[in-house]
Amino acid sequence: LLRTGLGKKTELRLGSTLARVDSTGSVSSASARLSFGSVAVKHRLVEEKGWIPAISIQPEINITYIQQNDEAKYEHVFDLLLLFNNTFHEQVFLNYNLGWFWINSGEHRYLLSASLSFLHTHRLGYFVEAYTLRSPTEHENVSFDGGVTFLVSPRFQLDAYVGKRWAASSSFKYMGLGVGVRFDRGDLAPKSFKDIGIHH
């Protein structure tokens, strides 16, 4: 994930994900490779004040290439997310989101998610998340995941996660690694923790 500020309240997000699926539920299938590319703009609508959460809106476009067996196809997903954040403590954060997804095949899905994050230090953090994806004809059970984040430098973060997701009448376990990089306009020079006032 590459992030850069477009203004005090607006952020551009460019993402890409590669995944390998070996099986779904108890039904063995040939390996599938999926490649995602996404473009999103996150804009903060409301600042956090007391128990009133910070509220942001995020429209996003995803292009997915799916290859399974000898078949390959592209899928376009347009989604709109409403993001909420409460800071309970300088180290404890609650995020909860509402989302709407439209797939070019005409399918609609709705997202409801909540996550709790804890910063153990300014570099090491943990999170747990529960979410569900629903359509007019299909209601998934609640899926969940959890992981660890590590801030290598003020602009570079790594994360690792594991989870279990229910889809239709089956479920599957997954794991992954993530990389996040942030650049701000007018200040692309690398910064150390000492430069921003944090000392080890």
C-alpha atoms as a PDB file:
ATOM      1  CA  LEU A   1       0.000   0.000   0.000  1.00  0.00           C
ATOM      2  CA  LEU A   2       1.369   3.400  -1.048  1.00  0.00           C
ATOM      3  CA  ARG A   3      -0.144   6.451   0.642  1.00  0.00           C
ATOM      4  CA  THR A   4       0.397  10.154   0.013  1.00  0.00           C
ATOM      5  CA  GLY A   5      -1.362  13.245   1.293  1.00  0.00           C
ATOM      6  CA  LEU A   6      -3.334  15.387  -1.146  1.00  0.00           C
ATOM      7  CA  GLY A   7      -4.258  17.898   1.550  1.00  0.00           C
ATOM      8  CA  LYS A   8      -4.781  18.192   5.291  1.00  0.00           C
ATOM      9  CA  LYS A   9      -7.834  15.932   5.170  1.00  0.00           C
ATOM     10  CA  THR A  10      -7.357  13.933   1.963  1.00  0.00           C
ATOM     11  CA  GLU A  11      -5.117  10.972   1.176  1.00  0.00           C
ATOM     12  CA  LEU A  12      -4.450   9.043  -2.047  1.00  0.00           C
ATOM     13  CA  ARG A  13      -4.025   5.270  -1.634  1.00  0.00           C
ATOM     14  CA  LEU A  14      -2.570   2.907  -4.251  1.00  0.00           C
ATOM     15  CA  GLY A  15      -2.671  -0.789  -3.432  1.00  0.00           C
ATOM     16  CA  SER A  16      -1.723  -4.133  -4.912  1.00  0.00           C
ATOM     17  CA  THR A  17      -2.239  -7.662  -3.577  1.00  0.00           C
ATOM     18  CA  LEU A  18      -1.078 -11.047  -4.800  1.00  0.00           C
ATOM     19  CA  ALA A  19      -2.740 -14.190  -3.447  1.00  0.00           C
ATOM     20  CA  ARG A  20      -2.559 -17.928  -4.071  1.00  0.00           C
ATOM     21  CA  VAL A  21      -5.596 -20.070  -3.291  1.00  0.00           C
ATOM     22  CA  ASP A  22      -5.063 -23.828  -3.023  1.00  0.00           C
ATOM     23  CA  SER A  23      -8.507 -24.895  -1.869  1.00  0.00           C
ATOM     24  CA  THR A  24     -11.808 -23.568  -0.603  1.00  0.00           C
ATOM     25  CA  GLY A  25     -13.504 -25.306   2.279  1.00  0.00           C
ATOM     26  CA  SER A  26     -13.337 -29.068   1.964  1.00  0.00           C
ATOM     27  CA  VAL A  27     -13.477 -29.025  -1.835  1.00  0.00           C
ATOM     28  CA  SER A  28     -10.040 -29.354  -3.394  1.00  0.00           C
ATOM     29  CA  SER A  29      -9.479 -27.212  -6.476  1.00  0.00           C
ATOM     30  CA  ALA A  30      -6.665 -26.288  -8.802  1.00  0.00           C
ATOM     31  CA  SER A  31      -4.517 -23.375  -7.725  1.00  0.00           C
ATOM     32  CA  ALA A  32      -5.797 -19.909  -8.544  1.00  0.00           C
ATOM     33  CA  ARG A  33      -3.765 -16.721  -8.742  1.00  0.00           C
ATOM     34  CA  LEU A  34      -5.349 -13.369  -8.092  1.00  0.00           C
ATOM     35  CA  SER A  35      -3.777  -9.962  -8.618  1.00  0.00           C
ATOM     36  CA  PHE A  36      -5.429  -6.848  -7.274  1.00  0.00           C
ATOM     37  CA  GLY A  37      -4.725  -3.215  -8.157  1.00  0.00           C
ATOM     38  CA  SER A  38      -6.652  -0.494  -6.340  1.00  0.00           C
ATOM     39  CA  VAL A  39      -6.943   3.286  -6.360  1.00  0.00           C
ATOM     40  CA  ALA A  40      -8.707   5.023  -3.466  1.00  0.00           C
ATOM     41  CA  VAL A  41      -9.129   8.503  -2.047  1.00  0.00           C
ATOM     42  CA  LYS A  42      -9.732   8.852   1.696  1.00  0.00           C
ATOM     43  CA  HIS A  43     -11.248  12.123   2.913  1.00  0.00           C
ATOM     44  CA  ARG A  44     -11.858  12.971   6.567  1.00  0.00           C
ATOM     45  CA  LEU A  45     -15.338  14.434   7.081  1.00  0.00           C
ATOM     46  CA  VAL A  46     -15.478  14.794  10.880  1.00  0.00           C
ATOM     47  CA  GLU A  47     -12.696  15.197  13.433  1.00  0.00           C
ATOM     48  CA  GLU A  48     -12.752  13.073  16.583  1.00  0.00           C
ATOM     49  CA  LYS A  49     -14.044  14.909  19.640  1.00  0.00           C
ATOM     50  CA  GLY A  50     -14.674  13.082  22.897  1.00  0.00           C
ATOM     51  CA  TRP A  51     -16.883  10.084  22.142  1.00  0.00           C
ATOM     52  CA  ILE A  52     -17.710  11.421  18.670  1.00  0.00           C
ATOM     53  CA  PRO A  53     -15.576   9.350  16.265  1.00  0.00           C
ATOM     54  CA  ALA A  54     -13.460  10.611  13.421  1.00  0.00           C
ATOM     55  CA  ILE A  55     -15.418   9.891  10.232  1.00  0.00           C
ATOM     56  CA  SER A  56     -13.928   9.458   6.763  1.00  0.00           C
ATOM     57  CA  ILE A  57     -15.283   8.496   3.356  1.00  0.00           C
ATOM     58  CA  GLN A  58     -13.302   6.378   0.889  1.00  0.00           C
ATOM     59  CA  PRO A  59     -14.366   5.640  -2.706  1.00  0.00           C
ATOM     60  CA  GLU A  60     -12.206   2.972  -4.339  1.00  0.00           C
ATOM     61  CA  ILE A  61     -11.743   1.132  -7.646  1.00  0.00           C
ATOM     62  CA  ASN A  62     -10.287  -2.405  -7.706  1.00  0.00           C
ATOM     63  CA  ILE A  63      -9.173  -4.305 -10.805  1.00  0.00           C
ATOM     64  CA  THR A  64      -8.761  -8.041 -10.258  1.00  0.00           C
ATOM     65  CA  TYR A  65      -7.155 -10.590 -12.572  1.00  0.00           C
ATOM     66  CA  ILE A  66      -8.199 -14.154 -11.777  1.00  0.00           C
ATOM     67  CA  GLN A  67      -6.594 -17.239 -13.298  1.00  0.00           C
ATOM     68  CA  GLN A  68      -7.900 -20.690 -12.428  1.00  0.00           C
ATOM     69  CA  ASN A  69      -7.155 -23.868 -14.349  1.00  0.00           C
ATOM     70  CA  ASP A  70      -7.116 -22.745 -17.998  1.00  0.00           C
ATOM     71  CA  GLU A  71      -9.560 -19.886 -17.490  1.00  0.00           C
ATOM     72  CA  ALA A  72      -8.712 -16.244 -16.836  1.00  0.00           C
ATOM     73  CA  LYS A  73     -10.892 -13.183 -16.361  1.00  0.00           C
ATOM     74  CA  TYR A  74     -10.834  -9.588 -15.171  1.00  0.00           C
ATOM     75  CA  GLU A  75     -13.164  -8.290 -12.499  1.00  0.00           C
ATOM     76  CA  HIS A  76     -13.830  -4.637 -11.672  1.00  0.00           C
ATOM     77  CA  VAL A  77     -15.082  -3.733  -8.215  1.00  0.00           C
ATOM     78  CA  PHE A  78     -16.278  -0.266  -7.232  1.00  0.00           C
ATOM     79  CA  ASP A  79     -16.709   0.296  -3.514  1.00  0.00           C
ATOM     80  CA  LEU A  80     -17.607   3.075  -1.126  1.00  0.00           C
ATOM     81  CA  LEU A  81     -16.513   2.899   2.526  1.00  0.00           C
ATOM     82  CA  LEU A  82     -17.568   4.946   5.528  1.00  0.00           C
ATOM     83  CA  LEU A  83     -14.808   4.726   8.165  1.00  0.00           C
ATOM     84  CA  PHE A  84     -15.130   5.473  11.895  1.00  0.00           C
ATOM     85  CA  ASN A  85     -12.333   5.733  14.470  1.00  0.00           C
ATOM     86  CA  ASN A  86     -12.349   6.182  18.257  1.00  0.00           C
ATOM     87  CA  THR A  87      -9.204   6.656  20.343  1.00  0.00           C
ATOM     88  CA  PHE A  88      -9.821   5.194  23.799  1.00  0.00           C
ATOM     89  CA  HIS A  89      -6.227   5.720  24.903  1.00  0.00           C
ATOM     90  CA  GLU A  90      -3.035   6.887  23.210  1.00  0.00           C
ATOM     91  CA  GLN A  91      -2.332   3.187  22.626  1.00  0.00           C
ATOM     92  CA  VAL A  92      -5.838   1.744  22.060  1.00  0.00           C
ATOM     93  CA  PHE A  93      -7.976   2.401  18.963  1.00  0.00           C
ATOM     94  CA  LEU A  94     -11.347   1.145  17.737  1.00  0.00           C
ATOM     95  CA  ASN A  95     -12.180   1.212  14.024  1.00  0.00           C
ATOM     96  CA  TYR A  96     -15.530   0.248  12.540  1.00  0.00           C
ATOM     97  CA  ASN A  97     -16.586   0.481   8.908  1.00  0.00           C
ATOM     98  CA  LEU A  98     -19.586   0.282   6.614  1.00  0.00           C
ATOM     99  CA  GLY A  99     -19.077  -0.516   2.943  1.00  0.00           C
ATOM    100  CA  TRP A 100     -20.884  -1.085  -0.356  1.00  0.00           C
ATOM    101  CA  PHE A 101     -19.315  -3.055  -3.227  1.00  0.00           C
ATOM    102  CA  TRP A 102     -20.482  -3.248  -6.838  1.00  0.00           C
ATOM    103  CA  ILE A 103     -18.914  -5.894  -9.119  1.00  0.00           C
ATOM    104  CA  ASN A 104     -19.067  -5.534 -12.910  1.00  0.00           C
ATOM    105  CA  SER A 105     -21.007  -8.806 -13.097  1.00  0.00           C
ATOM    106  CA  GLY A 106     -23.884  -6.896 -11.484  1.00  0.00           C
ATOM    107  CA  GLU A 107     -23.383  -8.349  -8.003  1.00  0.00           C
ATOM    108  CA  HIS A 108     -23.721  -6.130  -4.917  1.00  0.00           C
ATOM    109  CA  ARG A 109     -22.163  -6.772  -1.519  1.00  0.00           C
ATOM    110  CA  TYR A 110     -22.227  -4.962   1.810  1.00  0.00           C
ATOM    111  CA  LEU A 111     -19.497  -4.862   4.439  1.00  0.00           C
ATOM    112  CA  LEU A 112     -19.685  -4.451   8.194  1.00  0.00           C
ATOM    113  CA  SER A 113     -16.411  -4.626  10.136  1.00  0.00           C
ATOM    114  CA  ALA A 114     -14.845  -3.691  13.459  1.00  0.00           C
ATOM    115  CA  SER A 115     -11.229  -3.860  14.627  1.00  0.00           C
ATOM    116  CA  LEU A 116      -9.380  -3.146  17.855  1.00  0.00           C
ATOM    117  CA  SER A 117      -5.731  -2.036  17.721  1.00  0.00           C
ATOM    118  CA  PHE A 118      -3.148  -1.806  20.487  1.00  0.00           C
ATOM    119  CA  LEU A 119       0.228  -0.058  20.189  1.00  0.00           C
ATOM    120  CA  HIS A 120       2.667  -1.931  22.420  1.00  0.00           C
ATOM    121  CA  THR A 121       5.390   0.601  21.559  1.00  0.00           C
ATOM    122  CA  HIS A 122       5.631   3.360  18.958  1.00  0.00           C
ATOM    123  CA  ARG A 123       6.888   0.681  16.542  1.00  0.00           C
ATOM    124  CA  LEU A 124       5.102  -2.565  17.504  1.00  0.00           C
ATOM    125  CA  GLY A 125       1.337  -3.013  17.410  1.00  0.00           C
ATOM    126  CA  TYR A 126      -1.336  -5.736  17.448  1.00  0.00           C
ATOM    127  CA  PHE A 127      -4.857  -5.902  16.032  1.00  0.00           C
ATOM    128  CA  VAL A 128      -7.915  -8.160  15.913  1.00  0.00           C
ATOM    129  CA  GLU A 129     -10.780  -7.743  13.438  1.00  0.00           C
ATOM    130  CA  ALA A 130     -14.232  -9.185  12.812  1.00  0.00           C
ATOM    131  CA  TYR A 131     -16.169  -8.604   9.594  1.00  0.00           C
ATOM    132  CA  THR A 132     -18.996  -9.885   7.441  1.00  0.00           C
ATOM    133  CA  LEU A 133     -19.766  -9.531   3.721  1.00  0.00           C
ATOM    134  CA  ARG A 134     -23.376  -9.813   2.643  1.00  0.00           C
ATOM    135  CA  SER A 135     -25.387  -9.774  -0.561  1.00  0.00           C
ATOM    136  CA  PRO A 136     -29.159  -9.693  -1.134  1.00  0.00           C
ATOM    137  CA  THR A 137     -29.142 -13.486  -1.604  1.00  0.00           C
ATOM    138  CA  GLU A 138     -26.213 -14.562   0.560  1.00  0.00           C
ATOM    139  CA  HIS A 139     -25.416 -13.911   4.215  1.00  0.00           C
ATOM    140  CA  GLU A 140     -21.951 -14.862   5.386  1.00  0.00           C
ATOM    141  CA  ASN A 141     -21.080 -15.751   8.941  1.00  0.00           C
ATOM    142  CA  VAL A 142     -18.779 -13.408  10.816  1.00  0.00           C
ATOM    143  CA  SER A 143     -15.151 -13.837   9.710  1.00  0.00           C
ATOM    144  CA  PHE A 144     -12.153 -12.773  11.748  1.00  0.00           C
ATOM    145  CA  ASP A 145      -8.419 -12.137  11.593  1.00  0.00           C
ATOM    146  CA  GLY A 146      -5.601 -10.769  13.706  1.00  0.00           C
ATOM    147  CA  GLY A 147      -2.023  -9.728  13.272  1.00  0.00           C
ATOM    148  CA  VAL A 148       1.065  -7.752  14.143  1.00  0.00           C
ATOM    149  CA  THR A 149       2.320  -4.443  12.725  1.00  0.00           C
ATOM    150  CA  PHE A 150       5.888  -3.174  12.871  1.00  0.00           C
ATOM    151  CA  LEU A 151       6.989   0.352  11.955  1.00  0.00           C
ATOM    152  CA  VAL A 152      10.431  -0.081  10.409  1.00  0.00           C
ATOM    153  CA  SER A 153      10.781   3.688   9.898  1.00  0.00           C
ATOM    154  CA  PRO A 154       8.337   6.617  10.178  1.00  0.00           C
ATOM    155  CA  ARG A 155       7.291   6.055   6.557  1.00  0.00           C
ATOM    156  CA  PHE A 156       7.628   2.273   6.181  1.00  0.00           C
ATOM    157  CA  GLN A 157       5.486  -0.374   7.926  1.00  0.00           C
ATOM    158  CA  LEU A 158       5.314  -4.174   7.769  1.00  0.00           C
ATOM    159  CA  ASP A 159       2.442  -6.355   8.947  1.00  0.00           C
ATOM    160  CA  ALA A 160       1.610 -10.054   9.194  1.00  0.00           C
ATOM    161  CA  TYR A 161      -1.843 -11.545   9.762  1.00  0.00           C
ATOM    162  CA  VAL A 162      -3.830 -14.791   9.911  1.00  0.00           C
ATOM    163  CA  GLY A 163      -7.568 -15.320   9.778  1.00  0.00           C
ATOM    164  CA  LYS A 164     -10.565 -17.448   8.896  1.00  0.00           C
ATOM    165  CA  ARG A 165     -13.300 -16.441   6.461  1.00  0.00           C
ATOM    166  CA  TRP A 166     -16.698 -17.928   5.772  1.00  0.00           C
ATOM    167  CA  ALA A 167     -17.962 -17.706   2.184  1.00  0.00           C
ATOM    168  CA  ALA A 168     -21.300 -19.218   1.170  1.00  0.00           C
ATOM    169  CA  SER A 169     -21.457 -22.654   2.845  1.00  0.00           C
ATOM    170  CA  SER A 170     -17.699 -23.142   3.198  1.00  0.00           C
ATOM    171  CA  SER A 171     -14.809 -21.549   5.056  1.00  0.00           C
ATOM    172  CA  PHE A 172     -11.069 -21.196   4.604  1.00  0.00           C
ATOM    173  CA  LYS A 173      -8.067 -20.074   6.579  1.00  0.00           C
ATOM    174  CA  TYR A 174      -5.589 -17.543   5.255  1.00  0.00           C
ATOM    175  CA  MET A 175      -2.381 -15.749   6.142  1.00  0.00           C
ATOM    176  CA  GLY A 176      -0.510 -12.850   4.624  1.00  0.00           C
ATOM    177  CA  LEU A 177       2.213 -10.229   4.758  1.00  0.00           C
ATOM    178  CA  GLY A 178       1.775  -6.535   4.008  1.00  0.00           C
ATOM    179  CA  VAL A 179       3.937  -3.507   3.290  1.00  0.00           C
ATOM    180  CA  GLY A 180       2.839   0.103   3.748  1.00  0.00           C
ATOM    181  CA  VAL A 181       4.735   3.191   2.528  1.00  0.00           C
ATOM    182  CA  ARG A 182       3.752   6.841   2.949  1.00  0.00           C
ATOM    183  CA  PHE A 183       5.007   9.910   1.089  1.00  0.00           C
ATOM    184  CA  ASP A 184       3.862  13.485   1.616  1.00  0.00           C
ATOM    185  CA  ARG A 185       4.009  16.249  -0.959  1.00  0.00           C
ATOM    186  CA  GLY A 186       6.861  18.668  -0.388  1.00  0.00           C
ATOM    187  CA  ASP A 187       8.624  16.312   2.006  1.00  0.00           C
ATOM    188  CA  LEU A 188       9.891  13.173   0.291  1.00  0.00           C
ATOM    189  CA  ALA A 189      13.182  13.010   2.171  1.00  0.00           C
ATOM    190  CA  PRO A 190      13.477   9.944   4.435  1.00  0.00           C
ATOM    191  CA  LYS A 191      13.000  10.697   8.127  1.00  0.00           C
ATOM    192  CA  SER A 192      14.262   8.837  11.172  1.00  0.00           C
ATOM    193  CA  PHE A 193      12.401   8.471  14.473  1.00  0.00           C
ATOM    194  CA  LYS A 194      14.851  10.985  15.964  1.00  0.00           C
ATOM    195  CA  ASP A 195      13.911  13.514  13.264  1.00  0.00           C
ATOM    196  CA  ILE A 196      10.251  13.410  14.300  1.00  0.00           C
ATOM    197  CA  GLY A 197      10.966  13.573  18.032  1.00  0.00           C
ATOM    198  CA  ILE A 198      10.807   9.873  18.965  1.00  0.00           C
ATOM    199  CA  HIS A 199      13.904   8.412  20.590  1.00  0.00           C
ATOM    200  CA  HIS A 200      14.554   4.685  21.065  1.00  0.00           C
END
